[in-house]
């Protein structure tokens, strides 16, 4: 299905084996609840000052992630196809916070 060469038509016998599934990014309150519970449980073993930082870390991470993911400047293009921001990036930040 190269748009510059080859066929632009897919045979119907082939398309019956394909399924298209699309998922939207979860809403802000859902992301906050999920990742806050994960990080808060991890930080409970630390001092009170450190355990209170979980909400601030999650809110800051969510603000940066959503501004990048929804920005047209960082939308994937033919030249910049590696601009793929998804929840994996968000979870890596939380994971590395727990590892540090």
Protein backbone atom coordinates (compact mmCIF):
# COMPACT_ATOMS: atom_id res chain seq x y z
CA UNK A 1 0.00 0.00 0.00
CA UNK A 2 2.82 2.40 -0.82
CA UNK A 3 1.14 5.64 -1.95
CA UNK A 4 3.93 6.38 -4.45
CA UNK A 5 3.96 3.07 -6.25
CA UNK A 6 2.04 -0.17 -6.43
CA UNK A 7 -1.66 -0.83 -6.22
CA UNK A 8 -4.11 1.44 -4.42
CA UNK A 9 -6.82 -1.21 -4.30
CA UNK A 10 -6.98 -3.98 -1.72
CA UNK A 11 -8.65 -7.18 -2.77
CA UNK A 12 -11.94 -7.86 -0.95
CA UNK A 13 -10.85 -11.40 -0.13
CA UNK A 14 -7.93 -9.90 1.81
CA UNK A 15 -9.91 -7.20 3.63
CA UNK A 16 -12.26 -9.71 5.20
CA UNK A 17 -9.31 -10.87 7.36
CA UNK A 18 -8.56 -7.36 8.64
CA UNK A 19 -10.02 -5.43 11.53
CA UNK A 20 -9.54 -1.78 12.33
CA UNK A 21 -9.53 -0.86 16.00
CA UNK A 22 -9.05 2.70 17.20
CA UNK A 23 -8.73 3.84 20.80
CA UNK A 24 -8.66 7.40 22.02
CA UNK A 25 -6.38 8.65 24.77
CA UNK A 26 -8.06 8.30 28.15
CA UNK A 27 -9.46 11.39 29.78
CA UNK A 28 -7.47 13.42 32.24
CA UNK A 29 -9.27 12.28 35.40
CA UNK A 30 -8.95 8.61 34.45
CA UNK A 31 -5.21 8.93 33.83
CA UNK A 32 -4.81 10.83 37.07
CA UNK A 33 -6.64 8.19 39.08
CA UNK A 34 -4.73 5.24 37.62
CA UNK A 35 -1.22 6.62 37.82
CA UNK A 36 -1.77 8.41 41.13
CA UNK A 37 -2.77 5.16 42.81
CA UNK A 38 0.29 3.38 41.44
CA UNK A 39 2.75 6.08 42.48
CA UNK A 40 1.02 6.81 45.79
CA UNK A 41 1.21 3.15 46.84
CA UNK A 42 4.90 3.12 46.04
CA UNK A 43 5.65 6.36 47.91
CA UNK A 44 3.80 5.31 51.08
CA UNK A 45 6.95 3.58 52.32
CA UNK A 46 8.87 6.87 52.26
CA UNK A 47 8.70 9.99 54.43
CA UNK A 48 5.50 12.00 54.61
CA UNK A 49 7.12 14.84 52.62
CA UNK A 50 7.92 12.45 49.76
CA UNK A 51 4.59 10.67 49.79
CA UNK A 52 2.75 13.99 49.39
CA UNK A 53 4.54 14.62 46.09
CA UNK A 54 2.69 11.89 44.17
CA UNK A 55 -0.21 14.15 43.14
CA UNK A 56 2.18 16.91 42.01
CA UNK A 57 4.28 14.47 39.94
CA UNK A 58 1.24 13.01 38.22
CA UNK A 59 -0.32 16.42 37.47
CA UNK A 60 2.95 17.78 36.07
CA UNK A 61 3.52 14.67 33.96
CA UNK A 62 -0.04 14.74 32.67
CA UNK A 63 0.18 18.42 31.75
CA UNK A 64 3.36 17.90 29.73
CA UNK A 65 2.13 14.66 28.13
CA UNK A 66 -1.23 16.05 27.05
CA UNK A 67 0.28 19.28 25.73
CA UNK A 68 2.75 17.29 23.59
CA UNK A 69 0.24 14.63 22.49
CA UNK A 70 -2.38 17.23 21.46
CA UNK A 71 0.04 19.69 19.88
CA UNK A 72 -0.01 19.95 16.08
CA UNK A 73 3.70 20.78 16.24
CA UNK A 74 4.46 17.23 17.42
CA UNK A 75 2.02 15.41 15.13
CA UNK A 76 3.66 12.65 13.10
CA UNK A 77 4.42 13.54 9.50
CA UNK A 78 6.25 11.79 6.67
CA UNK A 79 9.54 13.40 7.72
CA UNK A 80 8.96 13.07 11.45
CA UNK A 81 7.23 9.72 11.70
CA UNK A 82 8.96 8.98 15.03
CA UNK A 83 6.74 11.54 16.82
CA UNK A 84 4.47 8.94 18.34
CA UNK A 85 3.46 9.96 21.86
CA UNK A 86 1.20 7.54 23.70
CA UNK A 87 0.52 6.20 27.17
CA UNK A 88 3.69 4.15 27.05
CA UNK A 89 5.66 7.38 27.46
CA UNK A 90 3.48 8.40 30.40
CA UNK A 91 3.92 5.05 32.10
CA UNK A 92 7.70 5.12 31.55
CA UNK A 93 7.90 8.41 33.43
CA UNK A 94 5.95 6.98 36.36
CA UNK A 95 8.00 3.77 36.26
CA UNK A 96 11.29 5.68 36.35
CA UNK A 97 10.02 7.82 39.22
CA UNK A 98 9.42 4.61 41.15
CA UNK A 99 12.84 3.23 40.24
CA UNK A 100 14.62 6.37 41.36
